[in-house]
Amino acid sequence: MTQYTYYHNSRCSKSRDGLELLAQHNIEPEVVNYLDTPPTAIEIKTLLDKLGMSARELMRTGEEAYKNLGLDNPGLTEEQLVDAMVREPILIQRPVFTNEKRAVIGRPTEKLLEILP
């Protein structure tokens, strides 16, 4: 049986919509409320590998924390960007849905279906 994890922000309508869509497909992932339980640097790096993207691509650039921390600086390393997401998890795009091998960002919500069998 495939194991799924859903990085969720209950205040986000897209994140709530994604859980509804998965329920319609009889998928009950492990739900991680990532603002309450922030992922570690290792977990974020694993997500990035599964997503096939850079740390900057996973970041919500419109967040106040992004501007306040100067994260638009192109000289910042992947490690620095990952560390910023660990400290300020609001910076992480949402929702993120994973299985053992792949992950997708649920924007639009239907993208979540891409990793179902």
PDB file of N, CA and C in Angstrom:
ATOM      1  N   MET A   1       0.835  -1.183   0.000  1.00  0.00           N
ATOM      2  CA  MET A   1       0.000   0.000   0.000  1.00  0.00           C
ATOM      3  C   MET A   1       0.880   1.246   0.000  1.00  0.00           C
ATOM      4  N   THR A   2       0.539   2.186  -0.848  1.00  0.00           N
ATOM      5  CA  THR A   2       1.307   3.415  -0.963  1.00  0.00           C
ATOM      6  C   THR A   2       1.048   4.317   0.242  1.00  0.00           C
ATOM      7  N   GLN A   3       2.129   4.860   0.763  1.00  0.00           N
ATOM      8  CA  GLN A   3       2.039   5.801   1.874  1.00  0.00           C
ATOM      9  C   GLN A   3       2.065   7.218   1.317  1.00  0.00           C
ATOM     10  N   TYR A   4       1.131   8.037   1.768  1.00  0.00           N
ATOM     11  CA  TYR A   4       1.049   9.424   1.330  1.00  0.00           C
ATOM     12  C   TYR A   4       1.181  10.361   2.528  1.00  0.00           C
ATOM     13  N   THR A   5       1.824  11.509   2.282  1.00  0.00           N
ATOM     14  CA  THR A   5       1.923  12.561   3.283  1.00  0.00           C
ATOM     15  C   THR A   5       1.437  13.845   2.636  1.00  0.00           C
ATOM     16  N   TYR A   6       0.699  14.616   3.411  1.00  0.00           N
ATOM     17  CA  TYR A   6       0.105  15.856   2.918  1.00  0.00           C
ATOM     18  C   TYR A   6       0.514  16.987   3.857  1.00  0.00           C
ATOM     19  N   TYR A   7       1.332  17.903   3.347  1.00  0.00           N
ATOM     20  CA  TYR A   7       1.761  19.063   4.129  1.00  0.00           C
ATOM     21  C   TYR A   7       0.682  20.129   3.987  1.00  0.00           C
ATOM     22  N   HIS A   8       0.000  20.392   5.092  1.00  0.00           N
ATOM     23  CA  HIS A   8      -1.270  21.106   5.101  1.00  0.00           C
ATOM     24  C   HIS A   8      -1.217  22.360   5.959  1.00  0.00           C
ATOM     25  N   ASN A   9      -1.911  23.397   5.482  1.00  0.00           N
ATOM     26  CA  ASN A   9      -2.153  24.606   6.257  1.00  0.00           C
ATOM     27  C   ASN A   9      -3.668  24.764   6.294  1.00  0.00           C
ATOM     28  N   SER A  10      -4.272  24.527   7.433  1.00  0.00           N
ATOM     29  CA  SER A  10      -5.732  24.533   7.542  1.00  0.00           C
ATOM     30  C   SER A  10      -6.347  25.904   7.264  1.00  0.00           C
ATOM     31  N   ARG A  11      -5.547  26.960   7.302  1.00  0.00           N
ATOM     32  CA  ARG A  11      -6.062  28.298   6.999  1.00  0.00           C
ATOM     33  C   ARG A  11      -6.092  28.586   5.506  1.00  0.00           C
ATOM     34  N   CYS A  12      -5.548  27.687   4.700  1.00  0.00           N
ATOM     35  CA  CYS A  12      -5.451  27.882   3.253  1.00  0.00           C
ATOM     36  C   CYS A  12      -6.589  27.131   2.560  1.00  0.00           C
ATOM     37  N   SER A  13      -7.387  27.839   1.779  1.00  0.00           N
ATOM     38  CA  SER A  13      -8.513  27.192   1.096  1.00  0.00           C
ATOM     39  C   SER A  13      -8.030  26.154   0.086  1.00  0.00           C
ATOM     40  N   LYS A  14      -6.932  26.419  -0.601  1.00  0.00           N
ATOM     41  CA  LYS A  14      -6.404  25.436  -1.564  1.00  0.00           C
ATOM     42  C   LYS A  14      -5.990  24.158  -0.849  1.00  0.00           C
ATOM     43  N   SER A  15      -5.412  24.305   0.322  1.00  0.00           N
ATOM     44  CA  SER A  15      -4.986  23.140   1.098  1.00  0.00           C
ATOM     45  C   SER A  15      -6.204  22.341   1.565  1.00  0.00           C
ATOM     46  N   ARG A  16      -7.234  23.023   2.026  1.00  0.00           N
ATOM     47  CA  ARG A  16      -8.468  22.332   2.433  1.00  0.00           C
ATOM     48  C   ARG A  16      -9.134  21.661   1.236  1.00  0.00           C
ATOM     49  N   ASP A  17      -9.162  22.358   0.096  1.00  0.00           N
ATOM     50  CA  ASP A  17      -9.745  21.781  -1.122  1.00  0.00           C
ATOM     51  C   ASP A  17      -9.002  20.516  -1.535  1.00  0.00           C
ATOM     52  N   GLY A  18      -7.694  20.526  -1.374  1.00  0.00           N
ATOM     53  CA  GLY A  18      -6.890  19.355  -1.735  1.00  0.00           C
ATOM     54  C   GLY A  18      -7.241  18.143  -0.898  1.00  0.00           C
ATOM     55  N   LEU A  19      -7.429  18.345   0.398  1.00  0.00           N
ATOM     56  CA  LEU A  19      -7.822  17.223   1.258  1.00  0.00           C
ATOM     57  C   LEU A  19      -9.181  16.672   0.847  1.00  0.00           C
ATOM     58  N   GLU A  20     -10.101  17.556   0.464  1.00  0.00           N
ATOM     59  CA  GLU A  20     -11.414  17.104  -0.009  1.00  0.00           C
ATOM     60  C   GLU A  20     -11.277  16.274  -1.275  1.00  0.00           C
ATOM     61  N   LEU A  21     -10.457  16.734  -2.200  1.00  0.00           N
ATOM     62  CA  LEU A  21     -10.250  16.007  -3.454  1.00  0.00           C
ATOM     63  C   LEU A  21      -9.671  14.620  -3.182  1.00  0.00           C
ATOM     64  N   LEU A  22      -8.687  14.537  -2.303  1.00  0.00           N
ATOM     65  CA  LEU A  22      -8.091  13.242  -1.976  1.00  0.00           C
ATOM     66  C   LEU A  22      -9.126  12.322  -1.323  1.00  0.00           C
ATOM     67  N   ALA A  23      -9.967  12.864  -0.460  1.00  0.00           N
ATOM     68  CA  ALA A  23     -11.010  12.062   0.181  1.00  0.00           C
ATOM     69  C   ALA A  23     -11.977  11.509  -0.864  1.00  0.00           C
ATOM     70  N   GLN A  24     -12.263  12.294  -1.892  1.00  0.00           N
ATOM     71  CA  GLN A  24     -13.144  11.827  -2.973  1.00  0.00           C
ATOM     72  C   GLN A  24     -12.530  10.639  -3.712  1.00  0.00           C
ATOM     73  N   HIS A  25     -11.208  10.526  -3.658  1.00  0.00           N
ATOM     74  CA  HIS A  25     -10.493   9.414  -4.300  1.00  0.00           C
ATOM     75  C   HIS A  25     -10.078   8.354  -3.273  1.00  0.00           C
ATOM     76  N   ASN A  26     -10.695   8.401  -2.103  1.00  0.00           N
ATOM     77  CA  ASN A  26     -10.450   7.430  -1.028  1.00  0.00           C
ATOM     78  C   ASN A  26      -8.992   7.370  -0.587  1.00  0.00           C
ATOM     79  N   ILE A  27      -8.342   8.528  -0.605  1.00  0.00           N
ATOM     80  CA  ILE A  27      -6.956   8.632  -0.146  1.00  0.00           C
ATOM     81  C   ILE A  27      -6.970   9.347   1.197  1.00  0.00           C
ATOM     82  N   GLU A  28      -6.387   8.697   2.204  1.00  0.00           N
ATOM     83  CA  GLU A  28      -6.271   9.279   3.534  1.00  0.00           C
ATOM     84  C   GLU A  28      -4.790   9.405   3.882  1.00  0.00           C
ATOM     85  N   PRO A  29      -4.178  10.521   3.489  1.00  0.00           N
ATOM     86  CA  PRO A  29      -2.750  10.686   3.760  1.00  0.00           C
ATOM     87  C   PRO A  29      -2.488  11.003   5.224  1.00  0.00           C
ATOM     88  N   GLU A  30      -1.239  10.822   5.609  1.00  0.00           N
ATOM     89  CA  GLU A  30      -0.796  11.370   6.891  1.00  0.00           C
ATOM     90  C   GLU A  30      -0.782  12.887   6.699  1.00  0.00           C
ATOM     91  N   VAL A  31      -1.493  13.602   7.536  1.00  0.00           N
ATOM     92  CA  VAL A  31      -1.576  15.054   7.403  1.00  0.00           C
ATOM     93  C   VAL A  31      -0.595  15.697   8.375  1.00  0.00           C
ATOM     94  N   VAL A  32       0.277  16.534   7.827  1.00  0.00           N
ATOM     95  CA  VAL A  32       1.249  17.270   8.632  1.00  0.00           C
ATOM     96  C   VAL A  32       0.865  18.740   8.579  1.00  0.00           C
ATOM     97  N   ASN A  33       0.427  19.265   9.692  1.00  0.00           N
ATOM     98  CA  ASN A  33       0.149  20.700   9.791  1.00  0.00           C
ATOM     99  C   ASN A  33       1.506  21.391   9.970  1.00  0.00           C
ATOM    100  N   TYR A  34       2.107  21.727   8.841  1.00  0.00           N
ATOM    101  CA  TYR A  34       3.517  22.110   8.851  1.00  0.00           C
ATOM    102  C   TYR A  34       3.810  23.428   9.558  1.00  0.00           C
ATOM    103  N   LEU A  35       2.798  24.248   9.810  1.00  0.00           N
ATOM    104  CA  LEU A  35       3.058  25.456  10.594  1.00  0.00           C
ATOM    105  C   LEU A  35       3.206  25.117  12.074  1.00  0.00           C
ATOM    106  N   ASP A  36       2.501  24.059  12.515  1.00  0.00           N
ATOM    107  CA  ASP A  36       2.601  23.604  13.903  1.00  0.00           C
ATOM    108  C   ASP A  36       3.777  22.653  14.107  1.00  0.00           C
ATOM    109  N   THR A  37       4.071  21.863  13.078  1.00  0.00           N
ATOM    110  CA  THR A  37       5.163  20.886  13.123  1.00  0.00           C
ATOM    111  C   THR A  37       6.040  21.121  11.893  1.00  0.00           C
ATOM    112  N   PRO A  38       6.920  22.117  11.958  1.00  0.00           N
ATOM    113  CA  PRO A  38       7.728  22.447  10.775  1.00  0.00           C
ATOM    114  C   PRO A  38       8.646  21.294  10.367  1.00  0.00           C
ATOM    115  N   PRO A  39       8.800  21.096   9.063  1.00  0.00           N
ATOM    116  CA  PRO A  39       9.735  20.077   8.612  1.00  0.00           C
ATOM    117  C   PRO A  39      11.175  20.467   8.925  1.00  0.00           C
ATOM    118  N   THR A  40      12.002  19.456   9.107  1.00  0.00           N
ATOM    119  CA  THR A  40      13.425  19.679   9.333  1.00  0.00           C
ATOM    120  C   THR A  40      14.100  20.000   8.001  1.00  0.00           C
ATOM    121  N   ALA A  41      15.341  20.407   8.066  1.00  0.00           N
ATOM    122  CA  ALA A  41      16.107  20.671   6.844  1.00  0.00           C
ATOM    123  C   ALA A  41      16.195  19.410   5.995  1.00  0.00           C
ATOM    124  N   ILE A  42      16.389  18.263   6.624  1.00  0.00           N
ATOM    125  CA  ILE A  42      16.474  17.000   5.880  1.00  0.00           C
ATOM    126  C   ILE A  42      15.145  16.700   5.193  1.00  0.00           C
ATOM    127  N   GLU A  43      14.034  16.931   5.898  1.00  0.00           N
ATOM    128  CA  GLU A  43      12.721  16.695   5.292  1.00  0.00           C
ATOM    129  C   GLU A  43      12.477  17.627   4.107  1.00  0.00           C
ATOM    130  N   ILE A  44      12.864  18.887   4.234  1.00  0.00           N
ATOM    131  CA  ILE A  44      12.694  19.831   3.124  1.00  0.00           C
ATOM    132  C   ILE A  44      13.548  19.412   1.937  1.00  0.00           C
ATOM    133  N   LYS A  45      14.778  18.987   2.183  1.00  0.00           N
ATOM    134  CA  LYS A  45      15.649  18.546   1.086  1.00  0.00           C
ATOM    135  C   LYS A  45      15.067  17.312   0.404  1.00  0.00           C
ATOM    136  N   THR A  46      14.467  16.418   1.178  1.00  0.00           N
ATOM    137  CA  THR A  46      13.819  15.241   0.600  1.00  0.00           C
ATOM    138  C   THR A  46      12.641  15.672  -0.271  1.00  0.00           C
ATOM    139  N   LEU A  47      11.856  16.610   0.226  1.00  0.00           N
ATOM    140  CA  LEU A  47      10.748  17.143  -0.571  1.00  0.00           C
ATOM    141  C   LEU A  47      11.255  17.755  -1.872  1.00  0.00           C
ATOM    142  N   LEU A  48      12.315  18.535  -1.786  1.00  0.00           N
ATOM    143  CA  LEU A  48      12.874  19.165  -2.985  1.00  0.00           C
ATOM    144  C   LEU A  48      13.305  18.121  -4.001  1.00  0.00           C
ATOM    145  N   ASP A  49      13.939  17.045  -3.529  1.00  0.00           N
ATOM    146  CA  ASP A  49      14.341  15.962  -4.431  1.00  0.00           C
ATOM    147  C   ASP A  49      13.126  15.342  -5.104  1.00  0.00           C
ATOM    148  N   LYS A  50      12.096  15.077  -4.326  1.00  0.00           N
ATOM    149  CA  LYS A  50      10.880  14.460  -4.875  1.00  0.00           C
ATOM    150  C   LYS A  50      10.145  15.407  -5.827  1.00  0.00           C
ATOM    151  N   LEU A  51      10.201  16.694  -5.541  1.00  0.00           N
ATOM    152  CA  LEU A  51       9.561  17.692  -6.388  1.00  0.00           C
ATOM    153  C   LEU A  51      10.385  17.993  -7.636  1.00  0.00           C
ATOM    154  N   GLY A  52      11.695  17.759  -7.548  1.00  0.00           N
ATOM    155  CA  GLY A  52      12.584  18.090  -8.665  1.00  0.00           C
ATOM    156  C   GLY A  52      12.723  19.596  -8.848  1.00  0.00           C
ATOM    157  N   MET A  53      12.821  20.308  -7.730  1.00  0.00           N
ATOM    158  CA  MET A  53      12.935  21.761  -7.828  1.00  0.00           C
ATOM    159  C   MET A  53      13.941  22.300  -6.822  1.00  0.00           C
ATOM    160  N   SER A  54      14.243  23.569  -6.996  1.00  0.00           N
ATOM    161  CA  SER A  54      15.172  24.248  -6.091  1.00  0.00           C
ATOM    162  C   SER A  54      14.416  24.766  -4.870  1.00  0.00           C
ATOM    163  N   ALA A  55      15.154  25.114  -3.849  1.00  0.00           N
ATOM    164  CA  ALA A  55      14.561  25.661  -2.637  1.00  0.00           C
ATOM    165  C   ALA A  55      13.789  26.944  -2.956  1.00  0.00           C
ATOM    166  N   ARG A  56      14.335  27.772  -3.794  1.00  0.00           N
ATOM    167  CA  ARG A  56      13.659  29.037  -4.132  1.00  0.00           C
ATOM    168  C   ARG A  56      12.300  28.777  -4.780  1.00  0.00           C
ATOM    169  N   GLU A  57      12.204  27.733  -5.596  1.00  0.00           N
ATOM    170  CA  GLU A  57      10.933  27.417  -6.256  1.00  0.00           C
ATOM    171  C   GLU A  57       9.865  26.947  -5.264  1.00  0.00           C
ATOM    172  N   LEU A  58      10.285  26.418  -4.136  1.00  0.00           N
ATOM    173  CA  LEU A  58       9.346  25.948  -3.119  1.00  0.00           C
ATOM    174  C   LEU A  58       8.878  27.087  -2.207  1.00  0.00           C
ATOM    175  N   MET A  59       9.493  28.249  -2.338  1.00  0.00           N
ATOM    176  CA  MET A  59       9.197  29.352  -1.428  1.00  0.00           C
ATOM    177  C   MET A  59       8.043  30.219  -1.923  1.00  0.00           C
ATOM    178  N   ARG A  60       7.276  30.689  -0.960  1.00  0.00           N
ATOM    179  CA  ARG A  60       6.198  31.656  -1.216  1.00  0.00           C
ATOM    180  C   ARG A  60       6.825  33.050  -1.155  1.00  0.00           C
ATOM    181  N   THR A  61       7.116  33.593  -2.330  1.00  0.00           N
ATOM    182  CA  THR A  61       7.852  34.853  -2.412  1.00  0.00           C
ATOM    183  C   THR A  61       7.019  36.059  -2.020  1.00  0.00           C
ATOM    184  N   GLY A  62       5.707  35.906  -1.915  1.00  0.00           N
ATOM    185  CA  GLY A  62       4.857  37.024  -1.525  1.00  0.00           C
ATOM    186  C   GLY A  62       4.693  37.188  -0.030  1.00  0.00           C
ATOM    187  N   GLU A  63       5.254  36.258   0.735  1.00  0.00           N
ATOM    188  CA  GLU A  63       5.141  36.342   2.194  1.00  0.00           C
ATOM    189  C   GLU A  63       6.013  37.468   2.745  1.00  0.00           C
ATOM    190  N   GLU A  64       5.519  38.108   3.795  1.00  0.00           N
ATOM    191  CA  GLU A  64       6.259  39.187   4.438  1.00  0.00           C
ATOM    192  C   GLU A  64       7.639  38.710   4.914  1.00  0.00           C
ATOM    193  N   ALA A  65       7.702  37.492   5.428  1.00  0.00           N
ATOM    194  CA  ALA A  65       8.974  36.941   5.910  1.00  0.00           C
ATOM    195  C   ALA A  65      10.004  36.868   4.784  1.00  0.00           C
ATOM    196  N   TYR A  66       9.555  36.590   3.562  1.00  0.00           N
ATOM    197  CA  TYR A  66      10.464  36.516   2.409  1.00  0.00           C
ATOM    198  C   TYR A  66      11.171  37.859   2.226  1.00  0.00           C
ATOM    199  N   LYS A  67      10.393  38.924   2.282  1.00  0.00           N
ATOM    200  CA  LYS A  67      10.962  40.270   2.104  1.00  0.00           C
ATOM    201  C   LYS A  67      11.809  40.667   3.314  1.00  0.00           C
ATOM    202  N   ASN A  68      11.266  40.434   4.515  1.00  0.00           N
ATOM    203  CA  ASN A  68      11.967  40.849   5.738  1.00  0.00           C
ATOM    204  C   ASN A  68      13.320  40.174   5.910  1.00  0.00           C
ATOM    205  N   LEU A  69      13.430  38.930   5.456  1.00  0.00           N
ATOM    206  CA  LEU A  69      14.682  38.184   5.599  1.00  0.00           C
ATOM    207  C   LEU A  69      15.630  38.383   4.419  1.00  0.00           C
ATOM    208  N   GLY A  70      15.221  39.196   3.447  1.00  0.00           N
ATOM    209  CA  GLY A  70      16.079  39.453   2.283  1.00  0.00           C
ATOM    210  C   GLY A  70      16.302  38.217   1.425  1.00  0.00           C
ATOM    211  N   LEU A  71      15.298  37.353   1.350  1.00  0.00           N
ATOM    212  CA  LEU A  71      15.463  36.093   0.628  1.00  0.00           C
ATOM    213  C   LEU A  71      15.441  36.251  -0.886  1.00  0.00           C
ATOM    214  N   ASP A  72      15.177  37.458  -1.363  1.00  0.00           N
ATOM    215  CA  ASP A  72      15.237  37.709  -2.803  1.00  0.00           C
ATOM    216  C   ASP A  72      16.676  37.878  -3.290  1.00  0.00           C
ATOM    217  N   ASN A  73      17.623  37.840  -2.379  1.00  0.00           N
ATOM    218  CA  ASN A  73      19.046  37.960  -2.714  1.00  0.00           C
ATOM    219  C   ASN A  73      19.476  36.729  -3.529  1.00  0.00           C
ATOM    220  N   PRO A  74      19.857  36.935  -4.812  1.00  0.00           N
ATOM    221  CA  PRO A  74      20.226  35.783  -5.645  1.00  0.00           C
ATOM    222  C   PRO A  74      21.505  35.087  -5.192  1.00  0.00           C
ATOM    223  N   GLY A  75      22.261  35.699  -4.305  1.00  0.00           N
ATOM    224  CA  GLY A  75      23.499  35.106  -3.817  1.00  0.00           C
ATOM    225  C   GLY A  75      23.301  34.077  -2.708  1.00  0.00           C
ATOM    226  N   LEU A  76      22.081  33.947  -2.212  1.00  0.00           N
ATOM    227  CA  LEU A  76      21.834  32.977  -1.137  1.00  0.00           C
ATOM    228  C   LEU A  76      21.947  31.550  -1.663  1.00  0.00           C
ATOM    229  N   THR A  77      22.499  30.687  -0.852  1.00  0.00           N
ATOM    230  CA  THR A  77      22.681  29.289  -1.241  1.00  0.00           C
ATOM    231  C   THR A  77      21.404  28.493  -0.973  1.00  0.00           C
ATOM    232  N   GLU A  78      21.339  27.305  -1.538  1.00  0.00           N
ATOM    233  CA  GLU A  78      20.226  26.385  -1.267  1.00  0.00           C
ATOM    234  C   GLU A  78      20.122  26.134   0.238  1.00  0.00           C
ATOM    235  N   GLU A  79      21.257  25.938   0.868  1.00  0.00           N
ATOM    236  CA  GLU A  79      21.275  25.666   2.308  1.00  0.00           C
ATOM    237  C   GLU A  79      20.664  26.828   3.090  1.00  0.00           C
ATOM    238  N   GLN A  80      21.002  28.052   2.721  1.00  0.00           N
ATOM    239  CA  GLN A  80      20.451  29.217   3.407  1.00  0.00           C
ATOM    240  C   GLN A  80      18.937  29.321   3.199  1.00  0.00           C
ATOM    241  N   LEU A  81      18.483  29.015   1.998  1.00  0.00           N
ATOM    242  CA  LEU A  81      17.049  29.074   1.714  1.00  0.00           C
ATOM    243  C   LEU A  81      16.299  27.979   2.473  1.00  0.00           C
ATOM    244  N   VAL A  82      16.869  26.782   2.527  1.00  0.00           N
ATOM    245  CA  VAL A  82      16.259  25.690   3.291  1.00  0.00           C
ATOM    246  C   VAL A  82      16.193  26.072   4.764  1.00  0.00           C
ATOM    247  N   ASP A  83      17.276  26.621   5.292  1.00  0.00           N
ATOM    248  CA  ASP A  83      17.288  27.040   6.696  1.00  0.00           C
ATOM    249  C   ASP A  83      16.197  28.077   6.979  1.00  0.00           C
ATOM    250  N   ALA A  84      15.982  28.981   6.031  1.00  0.00           N
ATOM    251  CA  ALA A  84      14.926  29.990   6.202  1.00  0.00           C
ATOM    252  C   ALA A  84      13.554  29.322   6.277  1.00  0.00           C
ATOM    253  N   MET A  85      13.323  28.292   5.461  1.00  0.00           N
ATOM    254  CA  MET A  85      12.035  27.592   5.499  1.00  0.00           C
ATOM    255  C   MET A  85      11.858  26.803   6.792  1.00  0.00           C
ATOM    256  N   VAL A  86      12.949  26.305   7.349  1.00  0.00           N
ATOM    257  CA  VAL A  86      12.871  25.613   8.632  1.00  0.00           C
ATOM    258  C   VAL A  86      12.459  26.610   9.720  1.00  0.00           C
ATOM    259  N   ARG A  87      13.073  27.774   9.704  1.00  0.00           N
ATOM    260  CA  ARG A  87      12.785  28.797  10.719  1.00  0.00           C
ATOM    261  C   ARG A  87      11.421  29.453  10.521  1.00  0.00           C
ATOM    262  N   GLU A  88      11.020  29.621   9.253  1.00  0.00           N
ATOM    263  CA  GLU A  88       9.772  30.310   8.910  1.00  0.00           C
ATOM    264  C   GLU A  88       8.970  29.418   7.944  1.00  0.00           C
ATOM    265  N   PRO A  89       8.298  28.396   8.459  1.00  0.00           N
ATOM    266  CA  PRO A  89       7.614  27.449   7.574  1.00  0.00           C
ATOM    267  C   PRO A  89       6.496  28.060   6.736  1.00  0.00           C
ATOM    268  N   ILE A  90       6.027  29.259   7.085  1.00  0.00           N
ATOM    269  CA  ILE A  90       5.015  29.937   6.269  1.00  0.00           C
ATOM    270  C   ILE A  90       5.543  30.185   4.857  1.00  0.00           C
ATOM    271  N   LEU A  91       6.861  30.132   4.684  1.00  0.00           N
ATOM    272  CA  LEU A  91       7.481  30.356   3.381  1.00  0.00           C
ATOM    273  C   LEU A  91       7.290  29.186   2.417  1.00  0.00           C
ATOM    274  N   ILE A  92       6.874  28.030   2.917  1.00  0.00           N
ATOM    275  CA  ILE A  92       6.765  26.830   2.082  1.00  0.00           C
ATOM    276  C   ILE A  92       5.450  26.851   1.306  1.00  0.00           C
ATOM    277  N   GLN A  93       5.561  26.603   0.000  1.00  0.00           N
ATOM    278  CA  GLN A  93       4.367  26.472  -0.831  1.00  0.00           C
ATOM    279  C   GLN A  93       3.449  25.411  -0.249  1.00  0.00           C
ATOM    280  N   ARG A  94       2.168  25.537  -0.507  1.00  0.00           N
ATOM    281  CA  ARG A  94       1.207  24.569   0.014  1.00  0.00           C
ATOM    282  C   ARG A  94       0.072  24.382  -0.956  1.00  0.00           C
ATOM    283  N   PRO A  95      -0.553  23.249  -0.839  1.00  0.00           N
ATOM    284  CA  PRO A  95      -0.173  22.051  -0.099  1.00  0.00           C
ATOM    285  C   PRO A  95       0.874  21.260  -0.880  1.00  0.00           C
ATOM    286  N   VAL A  96       1.632  20.442  -0.167  1.00  0.00           N
ATOM    287  CA  VAL A  96       2.577  19.523  -0.809  1.00  0.00           C
ATOM    288  C   VAL A  96       2.110  18.110  -0.467  1.00  0.00           C
ATOM    289  N   PHE A  97       1.998  17.285  -1.501  1.00  0.00           N
ATOM    290  CA  PHE A  97       1.497  15.918  -1.380  1.00  0.00           C
ATOM    291  C   PHE A  97       2.593  14.980  -1.862  1.00  0.00           C
ATOM    292  N   THR A  98       2.934  13.973  -1.055  1.00  0.00           N
ATOM    293  CA  THR A  98       4.045  13.095  -1.407  1.00  0.00           C
ATOM    294  C   THR A  98       3.656  11.632  -1.294  1.00  0.00           C
ATOM    295  N   ASN A  99       4.389  10.824  -2.061  1.00  0.00           N
ATOM    296  CA  ASN A  99       4.392   9.373  -1.841  1.00  0.00           C
ATOM    297  C   ASN A  99       5.854   8.989  -1.656  1.00  0.00           C
ATOM    298  N   GLU A 100       6.156   7.716  -1.769  1.00  0.00           N
ATOM    299  CA  GLU A 100       7.543   7.284  -1.513  1.00  0.00           C
ATOM    300  C   GLU A 100       8.545   7.849  -2.512  1.00  0.00           C
ATOM    301  N   LYS A 101       8.091   8.143  -3.738  1.00  0.00           N
ATOM    302  CA  LYS A 101       9.025   8.531  -4.792  1.00  0.00           C
ATOM    303  C   LYS A 101       8.862   9.949  -5.312  1.00  0.00           C
ATOM    304  N   ARG A 102       7.651  10.474  -5.261  1.00  0.00           N
ATOM    305  CA  ARG A 102       7.381  11.765  -5.894  1.00  0.00           C
ATOM    306  C   ARG A 102       6.621  12.684  -4.961  1.00  0.00           C
ATOM    307  N   ALA A 103       6.568  13.951  -5.359  1.00  0.00           N
ATOM    308  CA  ALA A 103       5.778  14.949  -4.638  1.00  0.00           C
ATOM    309  C   ALA A 103       5.260  15.957  -5.661  1.00  0.00           C
ATOM    310  N   VAL A 104       4.157  16.584  -5.312  1.00  0.00           N
ATOM    311  CA  VAL A 104       3.597  17.665  -6.130  1.00  0.00           C
ATOM    312  C   VAL A 104       3.094  18.757  -5.201  1.00  0.00           C
ATOM    313  N   ILE A 105       3.087  19.973  -5.747  1.00  0.00           N
ATOM    314  CA  ILE A 105       2.442  21.088  -5.064  1.00  0.00           C
ATOM    315  C   ILE A 105       1.028  21.157  -5.630  1.00  0.00           C
ATOM    316  N   GLY A 106       0.046  21.205  -4.768  1.00  0.00           N
ATOM    317  CA  GLY A 106      -1.351  21.151  -5.186  1.00  0.00           C
ATOM    318  C   GLY A 106      -1.916  22.465  -5.674  1.00  0.00           C
ATOM    319  N   ARG A 107      -1.276  23.061  -6.634  1.00  0.00           N
ATOM    320  CA  ARG A 107      -1.758  24.284  -7.288  1.00  0.00           C
ATOM    321  C   ARG A 107      -1.599  24.112  -8.778  1.00  0.00           C
ATOM    322  N   PRO A 108      -2.663  23.945  -9.517  1.00  0.00           N
ATOM    323  CA  PRO A 108      -4.041  23.813  -9.062  1.00  0.00           C
ATOM    324  C   PRO A 108      -4.253  22.493  -8.314  1.00  0.00           C
ATOM    325  N   THR A 109      -5.361  22.410  -7.630  1.00  0.00           N
ATOM    326  CA  THR A 109      -5.648  21.266  -6.768  1.00  0.00           C
ATOM    327  C   THR A 109      -5.544  19.934  -7.513  1.00  0.00           C
ATOM    328  N   GLU A 110      -5.942  19.908  -8.767  1.00  0.00           N
ATOM    329  CA  GLU A 110      -5.940  18.671  -9.546  1.00  0.00           C
ATOM    330  C   GLU A 110      -4.543  18.074  -9.707  1.00  0.00           C
ATOM    331  N   LYS A 111      -3.508  18.877  -9.519  1.00  0.00           N
ATOM    332  CA  LYS A 111      -2.133  18.352  -9.612  1.00  0.00           C
ATOM    333  C   LYS A 111      -1.888  17.255  -8.597  1.00  0.00           C
ATOM    334  N   LEU A 112      -2.642  17.256  -7.496  1.00  0.00           N
ATOM    335  CA  LEU A 112      -2.478  16.223  -6.484  1.00  0.00           C
ATOM    336  C   LEU A 112      -2.703  14.831  -7.064  1.00  0.00           C
ATOM    337  N   LEU A 113      -3.549  14.734  -8.042  1.00  0.00           N
ATOM    338  CA  LEU A 113      -3.887  13.436  -8.635  1.00  0.00           C
ATOM    339  C   LEU A 113      -2.744  12.847  -9.454  1.00  0.00           C
ATOM    340  N   GLU A 114      -1.761  13.647  -9.805  1.00  0.00           N
ATOM    341  CA  GLU A 114      -0.656  13.182 -10.655  1.00  0.00           C
ATOM    342  C   GLU A 114       0.151  12.049 -10.038  1.00  0.00           C
ATOM    343  N   ILE A 115       0.187  11.952  -8.714  1.00  0.00           N
ATOM    344  CA  ILE A 115       1.016  10.899  -8.113  1.00  0.00           C
ATOM    345  C   ILE A 115       0.190   9.734  -7.567  1.00  0.00           C
ATOM    346  N   LEU A 116      -1.107   9.734  -7.878  1.00  0.00           N
ATOM    347  CA  LEU A 116      -1.920   8.583  -7.484  1.00  0.00           C
ATOM    348  C   LEU A 116      -1.691   7.447  -8.470  1.00  0.00           C
ATOM    349  N   PRO A 117      -1.857   6.212  -7.994  1.00  0.00           N
ATOM    350  CA  PRO A 117      -1.650   5.077  -8.911  1.00  0.00           C
ATOM    351  C   PRO A 117      -2.702   5.044 -10.006  1.00  0.00           C
TER     352      PRO A 117
END
